[in-house]
Protein backbone atom coordinates (compact mmCIF):
# COMPACT_ATOMS: atom_id res chain seq x y z
CA MET A 1 17.80 -8.83 -29.84
CA ARG A 2 14.25 -8.57 -28.50
CA ARG A 3 14.00 -8.99 -24.74
CA THR A 4 11.61 -11.44 -23.20
CA LYS A 5 8.72 -10.41 -20.96
CA GLU A 6 10.58 -11.91 -18.00
CA GLU A 7 13.67 -9.79 -18.72
CA ALA A 8 11.55 -6.65 -19.09
CA ALA A 9 9.78 -7.41 -15.80
CA GLU A 10 13.11 -7.91 -14.04
CA THR A 11 14.39 -4.60 -15.44
CA ARG A 12 11.28 -2.88 -14.13
CA ARG A 13 11.75 -4.43 -10.68
CA GLU A 14 15.41 -3.38 -10.57
CA ILE A 15 14.58 0.20 -11.54
CA LEU A 16 11.90 0.29 -8.84
CA ARG A 17 14.26 -1.15 -6.20
CA SER A 18 16.94 1.39 -7.11
CA ALA A 19 14.49 4.31 -7.05
CA GLU A 20 13.10 3.35 -3.65
CA MET A 21 16.59 3.00 -2.18
CA LEU A 22 17.67 6.40 -3.52
CA PHE A 23 14.42 8.12 -2.48
CA LEU A 24 14.82 6.79 1.06
CA ASP A 25 18.53 7.60 1.29
CA LYS A 26 18.59 11.04 -0.35
CA GLY A 27 14.99 12.25 -0.41
CA TYR A 28 12.67 12.27 -3.39
CA GLU A 29 13.47 15.82 -4.51
CA ASN A 30 17.23 15.20 -4.46
CA VAL A 31 17.24 12.20 -6.80
CA THR A 32 17.47 12.44 -10.58
CA LEU A 33 16.36 9.97 -13.22
CA ASP A 34 19.99 9.69 -14.34
CA GLU A 35 20.99 8.54 -10.84
CA ILE A 36 18.18 5.98 -10.79
CA ALA A 37 19.19 4.66 -14.21
CA ALA A 38 22.86 4.42 -13.22
CA THR A 39 22.08 2.60 -9.97
CA ALA A 40 19.79 0.17 -11.79
CA GLY A 41 22.34 -0.36 -14.57
CA VAL A 42 19.99 0.77 -17.32
CA THR A 43 19.57 3.77 -19.61
CA ARG A 44 17.46 6.78 -18.74
CA GLY A 45 15.27 5.83 -21.67
CA ALA A 46 14.48 2.51 -19.97
CA VAL A 47 13.31 4.38 -16.87
CA HIS A 48 11.03 6.55 -19.02
CA TRP A 49 9.71 3.49 -20.85
CA HIS A 50 8.70 1.65 -17.68
CA PHE A 51 7.61 4.56 -15.43
CA LYS A 52 7.38 7.71 -17.58
CA ASN A 53 8.83 10.00 -14.86
CA LYS A 54 9.70 10.30 -11.16
CA GLN A 55 6.05 10.59 -10.18
CA GLY A 56 5.36 7.33 -11.95
CA LEU A 57 8.11 5.67 -9.92
CA LEU A 58 6.73 7.06 -6.69
CA PHE A 59 3.21 5.84 -7.44
CA ALA A 60 4.58 2.40 -8.32
CA ILE A 61 6.36 2.26 -4.95
CA ARG A 62 3.14 3.26 -3.22
CA ASP A 63 1.07 0.73 -5.14
CA ARG A 64 3.46 -2.03 -4.11
CA ALA A 65 2.17 -1.57 -0.56
CA GLN A 66 -0.98 -3.40 -1.75
CA LEU A 67 0.84 -6.65 -2.41
CA PRO A 68 0.46 -8.11 1.11
CA PHE A 69 -3.31 -7.53 0.95
CA GLN A 70 -3.57 -8.89 -2.59
CA GLU A 71 -1.74 -12.07 -1.58
CA LEU A 72 -3.81 -12.36 1.60
CA ALA A 73 -7.06 -11.94 -0.35
CA GLU A 74 -6.05 -14.72 -2.74
CA ARG A 75 -5.15 -17.07 0.11
CA ILE A 76 -8.33 -16.43 2.10
CA ALA A 77 -10.53 -16.68 -1.01
CA GLN A 78 -9.01 -20.10 -1.73
CA GLY A 79 -9.71 -21.25 1.82
CA GLY A 80 -6.06 -21.51 2.77
CA ALA A 81 -6.19 -19.37 5.90
CA PRO A 82 -7.03 -21.06 9.22
CA ASN A 83 -7.63 -17.76 11.04
CA PRO A 84 -8.35 -15.03 8.46
CA LEU A 85 -9.31 -12.35 11.01
CA GLU A 86 -5.98 -12.72 12.80
CA MET A 87 -4.13 -12.68 9.49
CA VAL A 88 -5.80 -9.43 8.41
CA ALA A 89 -4.98 -7.79 11.75
CA ASP A 90 -1.40 -9.09 11.68
CA THR A 91 -0.82 -7.88 8.12
CA ILE A 92 -2.02 -4.36 8.94
CA SER A 93 -0.05 -4.35 12.21
CA ALA A 94 3.13 -5.39 10.40
CA ILE A 95 2.75 -2.52 7.91
CA PHE A 96 2.16 -0.03 10.71
CA SER A 97 5.22 -1.34 12.54
CA ASP A 98 7.38 -1.12 9.42
CA LEU A 99 6.31 2.48 8.81
CA GLN A 100 6.96 3.59 12.37
CA ASN A 101 10.29 1.79 12.74
CA GLU A 102 11.70 3.15 9.47
CA PRO A 103 11.86 6.97 9.86
CA ARG A 104 12.93 7.52 6.24
CA LYS A 105 9.62 6.12 5.02
CA ARG A 106 7.74 8.86 6.82
CA GLY A 107 9.31 11.48 4.58
CA LEU A 108 8.59 9.41 1.49
CA LEU A 109 4.96 9.02 2.55
CA LYS A 110 4.61 12.78 2.89
CA VAL A 111 5.75 13.23 -0.71
CA ILE A 112 3.34 10.53 -1.90
CA MET A 113 0.44 12.14 -0.04
CA HIS A 114 1.20 15.55 -1.54
CA LEU A 115 1.19 14.01 -5.01
CA ASP A 116 -2.13 12.30 -4.26
CA MET A 117 -3.63 15.69 -3.43
CA ALA A 118 -2.14 17.44 -6.46
CA PHE A 119 -4.40 19.13 -8.98
CA SER A 120 -3.26 17.05 -11.98
CA ASP A 121 -6.05 14.89 -13.44
CA ASP A 122 -3.62 12.04 -14.06
CA VAL A 123 -2.47 12.06 -10.45
CA ALA A 124 -6.05 12.19 -9.19
CA ASP A 125 -6.94 9.16 -11.31
CA ASP A 126 -3.89 7.30 -9.99
CA ALA A 127 -4.83 8.07 -6.41
CA MET A 128 -8.41 6.94 -6.90
CA SER A 129 -7.22 3.71 -8.51
CA PHE A 130 -5.02 2.95 -5.49
CA ARG A 131 -7.89 3.41 -3.02
CA HIS A 132 -10.26 1.45 -5.24
CA ASP A 133 -7.85 -1.47 -5.56
CA MET A 134 -7.21 -1.56 -1.81
CA GLN A 135 -10.94 -1.58 -1.15
CA GLU A 136 -11.43 -4.42 -3.63
CA HIS A 137 -8.78 -6.54 -1.89
CA PHE A 138 -10.51 -6.03 1.46
CA ALA A 139 -13.94 -6.71 -0.02
CA ARG A 140 -12.70 -10.02 -1.41
CA ILE A 141 -11.31 -10.95 2.01
CA PHE A 142 -14.51 -10.04 3.86
CA ARG A 143 -16.78 -11.80 1.36
CA ALA A 144 -14.88 -15.00 2.06
CA MET A 145 -15.06 -14.46 5.82
CA ASP A 146 -18.75 -13.55 5.68
CA THR A 147 -19.64 -17.02 4.38
CA THR A 148 -18.62 -18.67 7.65
CA GLN A 149 -19.20 -15.80 10.08
CA PRO A 150 -21.93 -13.41 8.84
CA LEU A 151 -21.38 -9.71 9.42
CA PRO A 152 -23.74 -7.97 11.86
CA PRO A 153 -26.35 -5.65 10.30
CA PRO A 154 -26.14 -3.18 8.67
CA TRP A 155 -22.65 -4.17 7.53
CA THR A 156 -21.80 -5.96 4.29
CA ALA A 157 -18.43 -7.06 2.92
CA ASP A 158 -18.37 -4.01 0.64
CA THR A 159 -19.25 -1.45 3.32
CA VAL A 160 -16.75 -3.00 5.75
CA ALA A 161 -14.06 -2.88 3.05
CA SER A 162 -14.84 0.77 2.32
CA ALA A 163 -14.77 1.72 5.99
CA LEU A 164 -11.52 -0.13 6.72
CA THR A 165 -9.79 1.45 3.71
CA ALA A 166 -10.84 4.89 4.96
CA VAL A 167 -9.73 4.15 8.54
CA ILE A 168 -6.28 2.91 7.52
CA GLY A 169 -5.78 5.85 5.16
CA GLY A 170 -6.91 8.30 7.82
CA LEU A 171 -4.69 6.85 10.54
CA ILE A 172 -1.61 6.88 8.32
CA ALA A 173 -2.33 10.41 7.07
CA GLU A 174 -2.80 11.78 10.60
CA TRP A 175 0.37 10.05 11.77
CA VAL A 176 2.53 11.10 8.82
CA LEU A 177 1.45 14.74 9.04
CA ASP A 178 1.78 14.80 12.86
CA LYS A 179 -1.85 15.84 13.25
CA GLY A 180 -2.79 13.22 15.80
CA ASP A 181 -1.52 12.62 19.34
CA PHE A 182 -0.93 8.90 18.75
CA GLU A 183 1.48 6.44 17.17
CA LEU A 184 0.74 3.69 14.68
CA VAL A 185 2.34 1.35 17.21
CA PRO A 186 0.62 0.50 19.46
CA CYS A 187 -2.40 2.84 19.15
CA GLY A 188 -3.12 2.36 15.45
CA GLN A 189 -2.66 -1.40 15.73
CA ALA A 190 -5.01 -1.64 18.71
CA PHE A 191 -7.65 0.50 16.98
CA ILE A 192 -7.65 -1.71 13.88
CA LYS A 193 -7.98 -4.88 15.98
CA MET A 194 -10.86 -3.32 17.93
CA ILE A 195 -12.71 -2.49 14.71
CA LEU A 196 -12.13 -5.93 13.19
CA THR A 197 -13.43 -7.74 16.28
CA THR A 198 -16.53 -5.53 16.23
CA TRP A 199 -17.33 -6.84 12.75
CA PHE A 200 -16.15 -10.39 13.44
CA PRO A 201 -16.47 -11.13 17.18
CA THR A 202 -14.09 -13.81 18.39
CA HIS A 203 -16.63 -15.17 20.88
């Protein structure tokens, strides 16, 4: 019997949930596709069909981090956010807090970052797509905000989006790799808020 799109989507979500749980509990390198399939209650072939391999699962987990910004961009673009600047800052702060308060995610982020820097063309394309999509979400947010509170020269919604994407990526990379003498909470949070209020002064 042919499965519906809804059933296929639910299978994909369950595989992804199971993979993330196992990666966090056991470490990416110590998890097999057979374990992921068994935990999700599907066949190994289903895992291959939806994600191709373990790298595909890891990239899907990483890409899911964009969802809060995608949802925020849609809400702000529709005019449903009373204080968009505060919402952007709060969303980024919540992600920073989640990363710092969940030590297992630090190890998972290191694996993701190593894959992003791998020499494979497919991986490089995946990494570029992630950054591009994040930047597009921010650009959509800032275009909506710019209509009521114009950005100061020489900034535009696109250049602000590009800069913020780079800042967030840099802060997380420095923190994950222990290259910076700071924590995402409260230093990273405060830095993001400082940058946002430079572009959109509250007074």
